[in-house]
Amino acid sequence: MEQVWHLADLEREGFGWRIDTLLSEREPQLPDFDGAAVAAARDYRARSLTAGLAVFRAARQRNLATLRAIASPDWGRSGQQEGVGRVSLCDMPSFMSQHDAAHRAEIAAWKALLAR
C-alpha cells in the first residue's frame, strides 16, 4: 500500500506539478518531493490499495496526455529542481521511468524475501 500511495502522490504532486509548472513558468524553482514526510503525514498504511491504484492510474494517464501534447519547442523548457539541478521537460519521461524501475526493483526484492 505504501508503495502505491507514494507513486500516486508523486505522480500528481511531483511529476505532474513539475510538468505543469515547467509549461507555465519561465525558469521555475521546483521543490523536492519529500516522499518520506508525505507518507508519514498521510498514513499510507491505513489507505485503500484499490483507491491508490486508481489515483495513480488517473494521474499517470493525465501526465502522459500532457506530455504527448507538448509542442516540440517546449520540450526544452527548464527550471531548477531542488537536490537535482537544472531539469527540462524532456527529462520528465526518463525521470518517471527511472523512478518506476526503482520501485519495481524494491517490490521484486521484497517479494523474493517473502518467498524464502
PDB file of N, CA and C in Angstrom:
ATOM      1  N   MET A   1       0.805  -1.184   0.000  1.00  0.00           N
ATOM      2  CA  MET A   1       0.000   0.000   0.000  1.00  0.00           C
ATOM      3  C   MET A   1       0.860   1.265   0.000  1.00  0.00           C
ATOM      4  N   GLU A   2       1.895   1.250   0.808  1.00  0.00           N
ATOM      5  CA  GLU A   2       2.752   2.431   0.893  1.00  0.00           C
ATOM      6  C   GLU A   2       3.379   2.768  -0.462  1.00  0.00           C
ATOM      7  N   GLN A   3       3.858   1.754  -1.157  1.00  0.00           N
ATOM      8  CA  GLN A   3       4.470   1.981  -2.469  1.00  0.00           C
ATOM      9  C   GLN A   3       3.452   2.601  -3.433  1.00  0.00           C
ATOM     10  N   VAL A   4       2.247   2.069  -3.435  1.00  0.00           N
ATOM     11  CA  VAL A   4       1.214   2.530  -4.370  1.00  0.00           C
ATOM     12  C   VAL A   4       0.845   3.983  -4.086  1.00  0.00           C
ATOM     13  N   TRP A   5       0.619   4.314  -2.824  1.00  0.00           N
ATOM     14  CA  TRP A   5       0.248   5.692  -2.498  1.00  0.00           C
ATOM     15  C   TRP A   5       1.405   6.657  -2.724  1.00  0.00           C
ATOM     16  N   HIS A   6       2.624   6.191  -2.464  1.00  0.00           N
ATOM     17  CA  HIS A   6       3.787   7.037  -2.771  1.00  0.00           C
ATOM     18  C   HIS A   6       3.815   7.341  -4.271  1.00  0.00           C
ATOM     19  N   LEU A   7       3.647   6.310  -5.092  1.00  0.00           N
ATOM     20  CA  LEU A   7       3.641   6.507  -6.541  1.00  0.00           C
ATOM     21  C   LEU A   7       2.502   7.434  -6.968  1.00  0.00           C
ATOM     22  N   ALA A   8       1.332   7.263  -6.379  1.00  0.00           N
ATOM     23  CA  ALA A   8       0.180   8.100  -6.734  1.00  0.00           C
ATOM     24  C   ALA A   8       0.436   9.562  -6.389  1.00  0.00           C
ATOM     25  N   ASP A   9       0.914   9.803  -5.170  1.00  0.00           N
ATOM     26  CA  ASP A   9       1.150  11.189  -4.758  1.00  0.00           C
ATOM     27  C   ASP A   9       2.307  11.822  -5.521  1.00  0.00           C
ATOM     28  N   LEU A  10       3.363  11.076  -5.758  1.00  0.00           N
ATOM     29  CA  LEU A  10       4.476  11.622  -6.531  1.00  0.00           C
ATOM     30  C   LEU A  10       4.037  11.918  -7.965  1.00  0.00           C
ATOM     31  N   GLU A  11       3.228  11.052  -8.522  1.00  0.00           N
ATOM     32  CA  GLU A  11       2.760  11.260  -9.899  1.00  0.00           C
ATOM     33  C   GLU A  11       1.983  12.572 -10.015  1.00  0.00           C
ATOM     34  N   ARG A  12       1.137  12.852  -9.002  1.00  0.00           N
ATOM     35  CA  ARG A  12       0.335  14.087  -9.032  1.00  0.00           C
ATOM     36  C   ARG A  12       1.134  15.299  -8.570  1.00  0.00           C
ATOM     37  N   GLU A  13       1.738  15.186  -7.390  1.00  0.00           N
ATOM     38  CA  GLU A  13       2.325  16.350  -6.729  1.00  0.00           C
ATOM     39  C   GLU A  13       3.801  16.546  -7.044  1.00  0.00           C
ATOM     40  N   GLY A  14       4.409  15.545  -7.623  1.00  0.00           N
ATOM     41  CA  GLY A  14       5.803  15.648  -8.044  1.00  0.00           C
ATOM     42  C   GLY A  14       5.870  15.837  -9.543  1.00  0.00           C
ATOM     43  N   PHE A  15       5.738  14.746 -10.272  1.00  0.00           N
ATOM     44  CA  PHE A  15       5.871  14.800 -11.725  1.00  0.00           C
ATOM     45  C   PHE A  15       4.815  15.702 -12.372  1.00  0.00           C
ATOM     46  N   GLY A  16       3.560  15.520 -12.004  1.00  0.00           N
ATOM     47  CA  GLY A  16       2.503  16.324 -12.609  1.00  0.00           C
ATOM     48  C   GLY A  16       2.685  17.804 -12.346  1.00  0.00           C
ATOM     49  N   TRP A  17       2.993  18.139 -11.105  1.00  0.00           N
ATOM     50  CA  TRP A  17       3.192  19.543 -10.752  1.00  0.00           C
ATOM     51  C   TRP A  17       4.397  20.118 -11.491  1.00  0.00           C
ATOM     52  N   ARG A  18       5.485  19.357 -11.569  1.00  0.00           N
ATOM     53  CA  ARG A  18       6.677  19.834 -12.278  1.00  0.00           C
ATOM     54  C   ARG A  18       6.388  20.057 -13.762  1.00  0.00           C
ATOM     55  N   ILE A  19       5.703  19.114 -14.375  1.00  0.00           N
ATOM     56  CA  ILE A  19       5.368  19.248 -15.799  1.00  0.00           C
ATOM     57  C   ILE A  19       4.534  20.505 -16.015  1.00  0.00           C
ATOM     58  N   ASP A  20       3.485  20.665 -15.220  1.00  0.00           N
ATOM     59  CA  ASP A  20       2.614  21.835 -15.359  1.00  0.00           C
ATOM     60  C   ASP A  20       3.380  23.132 -15.125  1.00  0.00           C
ATOM     61  N   THR A  21       4.237  23.135 -14.121  1.00  0.00           N
ATOM     62  CA  THR A  21       4.985  24.344 -13.787  1.00  0.00           C
ATOM     63  C   THR A  21       5.998  24.687 -14.867  1.00  0.00           C
ATOM     64  N   LEU A  22       6.684  23.679 -15.382  1.00  0.00           N
ATOM     65  CA  LEU A  22       7.635  23.929 -16.472  1.00  0.00           C
ATOM     66  C   LEU A  22       6.927  24.468 -17.716  1.00  0.00           C
ATOM     67  N   LEU A  23       5.703  24.025 -17.939  1.00  0.00           N
ATOM     68  CA  LEU A  23       4.939  24.510 -19.096  1.00  0.00           C
ATOM     69  C   LEU A  23       4.418  25.928 -18.897  1.00  0.00           C
ATOM     70  N   SER A  24       4.177  26.317 -17.658  1.00  0.00           N
ATOM     71  CA  SER A  24       3.512  27.608 -17.418  1.00  0.00           C
ATOM     72  C   SER A  24       4.426  28.719 -16.912  1.00  0.00           C
ATOM     73  N   GLU A  25       5.637  28.387 -16.452  1.00  0.00           N
ATOM     74  CA  GLU A  25       6.528  29.409 -15.902  1.00  0.00           C
ATOM     75  C   GLU A  25       7.880  29.357 -16.602  1.00  0.00           C
ATOM     76  N   ARG A  26       8.546  30.492 -16.588  1.00  0.00           N
ATOM     77  CA  ARG A  26       9.905  30.550 -17.139  1.00  0.00           C
ATOM     78  C   ARG A  26      10.899  30.318 -16.014  1.00  0.00           C
ATOM     79  N   GLU A  27      11.765  29.338 -16.187  1.00  0.00           N
ATOM     80  CA  GLU A  27      12.840  29.034 -15.236  1.00  0.00           C
ATOM     81  C   GLU A  27      12.351  28.922 -13.789  1.00  0.00           C
ATOM     82  N   PRO A  28      11.345  28.067 -13.544  1.00  0.00           N
ATOM     83  CA  PRO A  28      10.822  27.949 -12.178  1.00  0.00           C
ATOM     84  C   PRO A  28      11.789  27.220 -11.239  1.00  0.00           C
ATOM     85  N   GLN A  29      11.580  27.461  -9.958  1.00  0.00           N
ATOM     86  CA  GLN A  29      12.250  26.704  -8.911  1.00  0.00           C
ATOM     87  C   GLN A  29      11.306  25.557  -8.549  1.00  0.00           C
ATOM     88  N   LEU A  30      11.791  24.338  -8.648  1.00  0.00           N
ATOM     89  CA  LEU A  30      10.966  23.153  -8.405  1.00  0.00           C
ATOM     90  C   LEU A  30      11.409  22.485  -7.108  1.00  0.00           C
ATOM     91  N   PRO A  31      10.584  22.512  -6.079  1.00  0.00           N
ATOM     92  CA  PRO A  31      10.981  21.903  -4.814  1.00  0.00           C
ATOM     93  C   PRO A  31      11.052  20.384  -4.918  1.00  0.00           C
ATOM     94  N   ASP A  32      11.818  19.799  -4.030  1.00  0.00           N
ATOM     95  CA  ASP A  32      11.894  18.349  -3.931  1.00  0.00           C
ATOM     96  C   ASP A  32      10.552  17.825  -3.415  1.00  0.00           C
ATOM     97  N   PHE A  33      10.223  16.610  -3.746  1.00  0.00           N
ATOM     98  CA  PHE A  33       9.049  15.938  -3.194  1.00  0.00           C
ATOM     99  C   PHE A  33       9.567  15.022  -2.094  1.00  0.00           C
ATOM    100  N   ASP A  34       9.278  15.355  -0.855  1.00  0.00           N
ATOM    101  CA  ASP A  34       9.765  14.588   0.293  1.00  0.00           C
ATOM    102  C   ASP A  34       8.813  13.428   0.558  1.00  0.00           C
ATOM    103  N   GLY A  35       9.047  12.334  -0.136  1.00  0.00           N
ATOM    104  CA  GLY A  35       8.164  11.176  -0.061  1.00  0.00           C
ATOM    105  C   GLY A  35       8.020  10.608   1.334  1.00  0.00           C
ATOM    106  N   ALA A  36       9.099  10.592   2.113  1.00  0.00           N
ATOM    107  CA  ALA A  36       9.028  10.055   3.475  1.00  0.00           C
ATOM    108  C   ALA A  36       8.135  10.920   4.361  1.00  0.00           C
ATOM    109  N   ALA A  37       8.270  12.225   4.251  1.00  0.00           N
ATOM    110  CA  ALA A  37       7.441  13.128   5.060  1.00  0.00           C
ATOM    111  C   ALA A  37       5.972  13.025   4.654  1.00  0.00           C
ATOM    112  N   VAL A  38       5.731  12.950   3.355  1.00  0.00           N
ATOM    113  CA  VAL A  38       4.356  12.837   2.863  1.00  0.00           C
ATOM    114  C   VAL A  38       3.740  11.522   3.343  1.00  0.00           C
ATOM    115  N   ALA A  39       4.482  10.435   3.262  1.00  0.00           N
ATOM    116  CA  ALA A  39       3.974   9.126   3.694  1.00  0.00           C
ATOM    117  C   ALA A  39       3.611   9.146   5.177  1.00  0.00           C
ATOM    118  N   ALA A  40       4.461   9.736   5.991  1.00  0.00           N
ATOM    119  CA  ALA A  40       4.190   9.793   7.429  1.00  0.00           C
ATOM    120  C   ALA A  40       2.962  10.649   7.719  1.00  0.00           C
ATOM    121  N   ALA A  41       2.858  11.774   7.035  1.00  0.00           N
ATOM    122  CA  ALA A  41       1.741  12.687   7.280  1.00  0.00           C
ATOM    123  C   ALA A  41       0.410  12.117   6.807  1.00  0.00           C
ATOM    124  N   ARG A  42       0.447  11.296   5.774  1.00  0.00           N
ATOM    125  CA  ARG A  42      -0.802  10.803   5.176  1.00  0.00           C
ATOM    126  C   ARG A  42      -1.161   9.380   5.592  1.00  0.00           C
ATOM    127  N   ASP A  43      -0.349   8.752   6.406  1.00  0.00           N
ATOM    128  CA  ASP A  43      -0.631   7.412   6.932  1.00  0.00           C
ATOM    129  C   ASP A  43      -1.031   6.445   5.819  1.00  0.00           C
ATOM    130  N   TYR A  44      -0.114   6.245   4.886  1.00  0.00           N
ATOM    131  CA  TYR A  44      -0.372   5.378   3.736  1.00  0.00           C
ATOM    132  C   TYR A  44      -0.838   3.981   4.129  1.00  0.00           C
ATOM    133  N   ARG A  45      -0.335   3.465   5.235  1.00  0.00           N
ATOM    134  CA  ARG A  45      -0.699   2.095   5.625  1.00  0.00           C
ATOM    135  C   ARG A  45      -2.189   1.930   5.919  1.00  0.00           C
ATOM    136  N   ALA A  46      -2.855   3.015   6.245  1.00  0.00           N
ATOM    137  CA  ALA A  46      -4.280   2.949   6.565  1.00  0.00           C
ATOM    138  C   ALA A  46      -5.159   3.180   5.336  1.00  0.00           C
ATOM    139  N   ARG A  47      -4.556   3.402   4.201  1.00  0.00           N
ATOM    140  CA  ARG A  47      -5.316   3.725   2.997  1.00  0.00           C
ATOM    141  C   ARG A  47      -5.630   2.497   2.159  1.00  0.00           C
ATOM    142  N   SER A  48      -6.574   2.661   1.270  1.00  0.00           N
ATOM    143  CA  SER A  48      -7.024   1.590   0.381  1.00  0.00           C
ATOM    144  C   SER A  48      -6.053   1.380  -0.784  1.00  0.00           C
ATOM    145  N   LEU A  49      -5.669   0.126  -0.983  1.00  0.00           N
ATOM    146  CA  LEU A  49      -4.818  -0.224  -2.121  1.00  0.00           C
ATOM    147  C   LEU A  49      -5.540   0.062  -3.435  1.00  0.00           C
ATOM    148  N   THR A  50      -6.801  -0.329  -3.519  1.00  0.00           N
ATOM    149  CA  THR A  50      -7.582  -0.118  -4.738  1.00  0.00           C
ATOM    150  C   THR A  50      -7.691   1.356  -5.078  1.00  0.00           C
ATOM    151  N   ALA A  51      -7.953   2.181  -4.087  1.00  0.00           N
ATOM    152  CA  ALA A  51      -8.053   3.624  -4.318  1.00  0.00           C
ATOM    153  C   ALA A  51      -6.703   4.190  -4.757  1.00  0.00           C
ATOM    154  N   GLY A  52      -5.622   3.729  -4.143  1.00  0.00           N
ATOM    155  CA  GLY A  52      -4.291   4.197  -4.519  1.00  0.00           C
ATOM    156  C   GLY A  52      -3.949   3.867  -5.956  1.00  0.00           C
ATOM    157  N   LEU A  53      -4.300   2.660  -6.377  1.00  0.00           N
ATOM    158  CA  LEU A  53      -4.058   2.270  -7.766  1.00  0.00           C
ATOM    159  C   LEU A  53      -4.865   3.145  -8.726  1.00  0.00           C
ATOM    160  N   ALA A  54      -6.106   3.446  -8.371  1.00  0.00           N
ATOM    161  CA  ALA A  54      -6.945   4.284  -9.227  1.00  0.00           C
ATOM    162  C   ALA A  54      -6.390   5.705  -9.314  1.00  0.00           C
ATOM    163  N   VAL A  55      -5.923   6.236  -8.196  1.00  0.00           N
ATOM    164  CA  VAL A  55      -5.357   7.585  -8.188  1.00  0.00           C
ATOM    165  C   VAL A  55      -4.089   7.620  -9.037  1.00  0.00           C
ATOM    166  N   PHE A  56      -3.231   6.603  -8.859  1.00  0.00           N
ATOM    167  CA  PHE A  56      -2.005   6.549  -9.663  1.00  0.00           C
ATOM    168  C   PHE A  56      -2.327   6.448 -11.152  1.00  0.00           C
ATOM    169  N   ARG A  57      -3.226   5.559 -11.502  1.00  0.00           N
ATOM    170  CA  ARG A  57      -3.587   5.354 -12.912  1.00  0.00           C
ATOM    171  C   ARG A  57      -4.091   6.654 -13.535  1.00  0.00           C
ATOM    172  N   ALA A  58      -4.982   7.348 -12.852  1.00  0.00           N
ATOM    173  CA  ALA A  58      -5.532   8.597 -13.387  1.00  0.00           C
ATOM    174  C   ALA A  58      -4.445   9.668 -13.523  1.00  0.00           C
ATOM    175  N   ALA A  59      -3.586   9.770 -12.526  1.00  0.00           N
ATOM    176  CA  ALA A  59      -2.515  10.775 -12.580  1.00  0.00           C
ATOM    177  C   ALA A  59      -1.520  10.458 -13.683  1.00  0.00           C
ATOM    178  N   ARG A  60      -1.159   9.190 -13.847  1.00  0.00           N
ATOM    179  CA  ARG A  60      -0.216   8.805 -14.908  1.00  0.00           C
ATOM    180  C   ARG A  60      -0.832   9.076 -16.273  1.00  0.00           C
ATOM    181  N   GLN A  61      -2.100   8.724 -16.446  1.00  0.00           N
ATOM    182  CA  GLN A  61      -2.756   8.981 -17.730  1.00  0.00           C
ATOM    183  C   GLN A  61      -2.788  10.471 -18.040  1.00  0.00           C
ATOM    184  N   ARG A  62      -3.063  11.284 -17.030  1.00  0.00           N
ATOM    185  CA  ARG A  62      -3.070  12.731 -17.233  1.00  0.00           C
ATOM    186  C   ARG A  62      -1.690  13.227 -17.630  1.00  0.00           C
ATOM    187  N   ASN A  63      -0.661  12.781 -16.910  1.00  0.00           N
ATOM    188  CA  ASN A  63       0.702  13.223 -17.229  1.00  0.00           C
ATOM    189  C   ASN A  63       1.118  12.791 -18.623  1.00  0.00           C
ATOM    190  N   LEU A  64       0.798  11.574 -18.995  1.00  0.00           N
ATOM    191  CA  LEU A  64       1.153  11.109 -20.338  1.00  0.00           C
ATOM    192  C   LEU A  64       0.419  11.905 -21.412  1.00  0.00           C
ATOM    193  N   ALA A  65      -0.846  12.220 -21.181  1.00  0.00           N
ATOM    194  CA  ALA A  65      -1.596  13.033 -22.147  1.00  0.00           C
ATOM    195  C   ALA A  65      -0.976  14.423 -22.271  1.00  0.00           C
ATOM    196  N   THR A  66      -0.574  14.992 -21.137  1.00  0.00           N
ATOM    197  CA  THR A  66       0.066  16.309 -21.166  1.00  0.00           C
ATOM    198  C   THR A  66       1.383  16.241 -21.934  1.00  0.00           C
ATOM    199  N   LEU A  67       2.184  15.226 -21.645  1.00  0.00           N
ATOM    200  CA  LEU A  67       3.471  15.086 -22.337  1.00  0.00           C
ATOM    201  C   LEU A  67       3.277  14.880 -23.836  1.00  0.00           C
ATOM    202  N   ARG A  68       2.294  14.089 -24.214  1.00  0.00           N
ATOM    203  CA  ARG A  68       2.047  13.846 -25.641  1.00  0.00           C
ATOM    204  C   ARG A  68       1.637  15.114 -26.388  1.00  0.00           C
ATOM    205  N   ALA A  69       1.046  16.055 -25.670  1.00  0.00           N
ATOM    206  CA  ALA A  69       0.543  17.283 -26.299  1.00  0.00           C
ATOM    207  C   ALA A  69       1.582  18.407 -26.356  1.00  0.00           C
ATOM    208  N   ILE A  70       2.761  18.180 -25.810  1.00  0.00           N
ATOM    209  CA  ILE A  70       3.769  19.242 -25.771  1.00  0.00           C
ATOM    210  C   ILE A  70       4.320  19.485 -27.174  1.00  0.00           C
ATOM    211  N   ALA A  71       4.340  20.749 -27.557  1.00  0.00           N
ATOM    212  CA  ALA A  71       4.909  21.140 -28.856  1.00  0.00           C
ATOM    213  C   ALA A  71       6.428  21.008 -28.793  1.00  0.00           C
ATOM    214  N   SER A  72       7.026  20.669 -29.904  1.00  0.00           N
ATOM    215  CA  SER A  72       8.473  20.430 -29.964  1.00  0.00           C
ATOM    216  C   SER A  72       9.330  21.503 -29.282  1.00  0.00           C
ATOM    217  N   PRO A  73       9.095  22.790 -29.532  1.00  0.00           N
ATOM    218  CA  PRO A  73       9.960  23.797 -28.906  1.00  0.00           C
ATOM    219  C   PRO A  73       9.847  23.827 -27.378  1.00  0.00           C
ATOM    220  N   ASP A  74       8.720  23.386 -26.846  1.00  0.00           N
ATOM    221  CA  ASP A  74       8.512  23.453 -25.399  1.00  0.00           C
ATOM    222  C   ASP A  74       9.249  22.358 -24.627  1.00  0.00           C
ATOM    223  N   TRP A  75       9.711  21.319 -25.307  1.00  0.00           N
ATOM    224  CA  TRP A  75      10.435  20.252 -24.610  1.00  0.00           C
ATOM    225  C   TRP A  75      11.702  20.777 -23.931  1.00  0.00           C
ATOM    226  N   GLY A  76      12.228  21.892 -24.392  1.00  0.00           N
ATOM    227  CA  GLY A  76      13.433  22.471 -23.807  1.00  0.00           C
ATOM    228  C   GLY A  76      13.181  23.386 -22.623  1.00  0.00           C
ATOM    229  N   ARG A  77      11.911  23.623 -22.266  1.00  0.00           N
ATOM    230  CA  ARG A  77      11.608  24.489 -21.117  1.00  0.00           C
ATOM    231  C   ARG A  77      12.237  23.892 -19.866  1.00  0.00           C
ATOM    232  N   SER A  78      12.923  24.743 -19.097  1.00  0.00           N
ATOM    233  CA  SER A  78      13.724  24.249 -17.973  1.00  0.00           C
ATOM    234  C   SER A  78      13.487  25.040 -16.703  1.00  0.00           C
ATOM    235  N   GLY A  79      13.944  24.448 -15.617  1.00  0.00           N
ATOM    236  CA  GLY A  79      13.926  25.085 -14.311  1.00  0.00           C
ATOM    237  C   GLY A  79      14.972  24.426 -13.436  1.00  0.00           C
ATOM    238  N   GLN A  80      15.011  24.830 -12.185  1.00  0.00           N
ATOM    239  CA  GLN A  80      15.959  24.265 -11.216  1.00  0.00           C
ATOM    240  C   GLN A  80      15.186  23.431 -10.205  1.00  0.00           C
ATOM    241  N   GLN A  81      15.525  22.136 -10.127  1.00  0.00           N
ATOM    242  CA  GLN A  81      14.874  21.262  -9.157  1.00  0.00           C
ATOM    243  C   GLN A  81      15.788  21.082  -7.954  1.00  0.00           C
ATOM    244  N   GLU A  82      15.233  21.331  -6.788  1.00  0.00           N
ATOM    245  CA  GLU A  82      15.968  21.183  -5.538  1.00  0.00           C
ATOM    246  C   GLU A  82      16.566  19.775  -5.436  1.00  0.00           C
ATOM    247  N   GLY A  83      17.855  19.716  -5.162  1.00  0.00           N
ATOM    248  CA  GLY A  83      18.536  18.442  -4.996  1.00  0.00           C
ATOM    249  C   GLY A  83      18.930  17.766  -6.298  1.00  0.00           C
ATOM    250  N   VAL A  84      18.496  18.308  -7.423  1.00  0.00           N
ATOM    251  CA  VAL A  84      18.787  17.706  -8.726  1.00  0.00           C
ATOM    252  C   VAL A  84      19.584  18.666  -9.597  1.00  0.00           C
ATOM    253  N   GLY A  85      19.153  19.912  -9.648  1.00  0.00           N
ATOM    254  CA  GLY A  85      19.776  20.900 -10.523  1.00  0.00           C
ATOM    255  C   GLY A  85      18.860  21.223 -11.679  1.00  0.00           C
ATOM    256  N   ARG A  86      19.451  21.586 -12.784  1.00  0.00           N
ATOM    257  CA  ARG A  86      18.673  22.001 -13.956  1.00  0.00           C
ATOM    258  C   ARG A  86      17.957  20.799 -14.560  1.00  0.00           C
ATOM    259  N   VAL A  87      16.650  20.947 -14.762  1.00  0.00           N
ATOM    260  CA  VAL A  87      15.843  19.907 -15.406  1.00  0.00           C
ATOM    261  C   VAL A  87      14.990  20.559 -16.479  1.00  0.00           C
ATOM    262  N   SER A  88      14.678  19.781 -17.491  1.00  0.00           N
ATOM    263  CA  SER A  88      13.838  20.248 -18.601  1.00  0.00           C
ATOM    264  C   SER A  88      12.661  19.300 -18.771  1.00  0.00           C
ATOM    265  N   LEU A  89      11.655  19.765 -19.466  1.00  0.00           N
ATOM    266  CA  LEU A  89      10.510  18.897 -19.754  1.00  0.00           C
ATOM    267  C   LEU A  89      10.952  17.602 -20.416  1.00  0.00           C
ATOM    268  N   CYS A  90      11.953  17.693 -21.271  1.00  0.00           N
ATOM    269  CA  CYS A  90      12.409  16.484 -21.972  1.00  0.00           C
ATOM    270  C   CYS A  90      12.995  15.445 -21.018  1.00  0.00           C
ATOM    271  N   ASP A  91      13.340  15.848 -19.790  1.00  0.00           N
ATOM    272  CA  ASP A  91      13.865  14.917 -18.789  1.00  0.00           C
ATOM    273  C   ASP A  91      12.758  14.145 -18.073  1.00  0.00           C
ATOM    274  N   MET A  92      11.560  14.688 -18.056  1.00  0.00           N
ATOM    275  CA  MET A  92      10.493  14.117 -17.233  1.00  0.00           C
ATOM    276  C   MET A  92      10.155  12.658 -17.574  1.00  0.00           C
ATOM    277  N   PRO A  93       9.992  12.287 -18.847  1.00  0.00           N
ATOM    278  CA  PRO A  93       9.698  10.870 -19.112  1.00  0.00           C
ATOM    279  C   PRO A  93      10.774   9.930 -18.574  1.00  0.00           C
ATOM    280  N   SER A  94      12.023  10.318 -18.703  1.00  0.00           N
ATOM    281  CA  SER A  94      13.113   9.482 -18.195  1.00  0.00           C
ATOM    282  C   SER A  94      13.085   9.408 -16.676  1.00  0.00           C
ATOM    283  N   PHE A  95      12.855  10.544 -16.013  1.00  0.00           N
ATOM    284  CA  PHE A  95      12.766  10.542 -14.546  1.00  0.00           C
ATOM    285  C   PHE A  95      11.631   9.643 -14.075  1.00  0.00           C
ATOM    286  N   MET A  96      10.500   9.713 -14.752  1.00  0.00           N
ATOM    287  CA  MET A  96       9.356   8.883 -14.385  1.00  0.00           C
ATOM    288  C   MET A  96       9.688   7.401 -14.565  1.00  0.00           C
ATOM    289  N   SER A  97      10.316   7.080 -15.682  1.00  0.00           N
ATOM    290  CA  SER A  97      10.683   5.694 -15.968  1.00  0.00           C
ATOM    291  C   SER A  97      11.704   5.158 -14.964  1.00  0.00           C
ATOM    292  N   GLN A  98      12.703   5.963 -14.633  1.00  0.00           N
ATOM    293  CA  GLN A  98      13.720   5.552 -13.662  1.00  0.00           C
ATOM    294  C   GLN A  98      13.099   5.332 -12.283  1.00  0.00           C
ATOM    295  N   HIS A  99      12.193   6.214 -11.903  1.00  0.00           N
ATOM    296  CA  HIS A  99      11.540   6.071 -10.607  1.00  0.00           C
ATOM    297  C   HIS A  99      10.692   4.804 -10.573  1.00  0.00           C
ATOM    298  N   ASP A 100       9.945   4.552 -11.643  1.00  0.00           N
ATOM    299  CA  ASP A 100       9.152   3.324 -11.738  1.00  0.00           C
ATOM    300  C   ASP A 100      10.047   2.092 -11.607  1.00  0.00           C
ATOM    301  N   ALA A 101      11.178   2.101 -12.317  1.00  0.00           N
ATOM    302  CA  ALA A 101      12.096   0.952 -12.297  1.00  0.00           C
ATOM    303  C   ALA A 101      12.647   0.719 -10.892  1.00  0.00           C
ATOM    304  N   ALA A 102      12.972   1.792 -10.186  1.00  0.00           N
ATOM    305  CA  ALA A 102      13.492   1.647  -8.820  1.00  0.00           C
ATOM    306  C   ALA A 102      12.444   0.993  -7.918  1.00  0.00           C
ATOM    307  N   HIS A 103      11.194   1.387  -8.072  1.00  0.00           N
ATOM    308  CA  HIS A 103      10.147   0.784  -7.235  1.00  0.00           C
ATOM    309  C   HIS A 103       9.835  -0.645  -7.658  1.00  0.00           C
ATOM    310  N   ARG A 104       9.901  -0.935  -8.946  1.00  0.00           N
ATOM    311  CA  ARG A 104       9.720  -2.335  -9.378  1.00  0.00           C
ATOM    312  C   ARG A 104      10.800  -3.216  -8.762  1.00  0.00           C
ATOM    313  N   ALA A 105      12.038  -2.719  -8.718  1.00  0.00           N
ATOM    314  CA  ALA A 105      13.136  -3.486  -8.123  1.00  0.00           C
ATOM    315  C   ALA A 105      12.919  -3.677  -6.625  1.00  0.00           C
ATOM    316  N   GLU A 106      12.449  -2.650  -5.942  1.00  0.00           N
ATOM    317  CA  GLU A 106      12.168  -2.777  -4.500  1.00  0.00           C
ATOM    318  C   GLU A 106      11.080  -3.819  -4.250  1.00  0.00           C
ATOM    319  N   ILE A 107      10.041  -3.778  -5.062  1.00  0.00           N
ATOM    320  CA  ILE A 107       8.929  -4.720  -4.898  1.00  0.00           C
ATOM    321  C   ILE A 107       9.393  -6.142  -5.211  1.00  0.00           C
ATOM    322  N   ALA A 108      10.208  -6.302  -6.243  1.00  0.00           N
ATOM    323  CA  ALA A 108      10.731  -7.638  -6.578  1.00  0.00           C
ATOM    324  C   ALA A 108      11.606  -8.173  -5.449  1.00  0.00           C
ATOM    325  N   ALA A 109      12.427  -7.329  -4.858  1.00  0.00           N
ATOM    326  CA  ALA A 109      13.285  -7.755  -3.736  1.00  0.00           C
ATOM    327  C   ALA A 109      12.433  -8.144  -2.532  1.00  0.00           C
ATOM    328  N   TRP A 110      11.406  -7.362  -2.279  1.00  0.00           N
ATOM    329  CA  TRP A 110      10.509  -7.646  -1.166  1.00  0.00           C
ATOM    330  C   TRP A 110       9.805  -8.993  -1.379  1.00  0.00           C
ATOM    331  N   LYS A 111       9.308  -9.231  -2.608  1.00  0.00           N
ATOM    332  CA  LYS A 111       8.637 -10.498  -2.924  1.00  0.00           C
ATOM    333  C   LYS A 111       9.595 -11.679  -2.794  1.00  0.00           C
ATOM    334  N   ALA A 112      10.849 -11.491  -3.234  1.00  0.00           N
ATOM    335  CA  ALA A 112      11.837 -12.560  -3.122  1.00  0.00           C
ATOM    336  C   ALA A 112      12.114 -12.884  -1.668  1.00  0.00           C
ATOM    337  N   LEU A 113      12.188 -11.867  -0.837  1.00  0.00           N
ATOM    338  CA  LEU A 113      12.420 -12.056   0.595  1.00  0.00           C
ATOM    339  C   LEU A 113      11.257 -12.820   1.232  1.00  0.00           C
ATOM    340  N   LEU A 114      10.044 -12.480   0.849  1.00  0.00           N
ATOM    341  CA  LEU A 114       8.875 -13.172   1.387  1.00  0.00           C
ATOM    342  C   LEU A 114       8.803 -14.619   0.923  1.00  0.00           C
ATOM    343  N   ALA A 115       9.331 -14.913  -0.246  1.00  0.00           N
ATOM    344  CA  ALA A 115       9.273 -16.275  -0.797  1.00  0.00           C
ATOM    345  C   ALA A 115      10.254 -17.214  -0.105  1.00  0.00           C
ATOM    346  N   ARG A 116      11.197 -16.674   0.622  1.00  0.00           N
ATOM    347  CA  ARG A 116      12.202 -17.526   1.292  1.00  0.00           C
ATOM    348  C   ARG A 116      11.637 -18.289   2.442  1.00  0.00           C
TER     349      ARG A 116
END
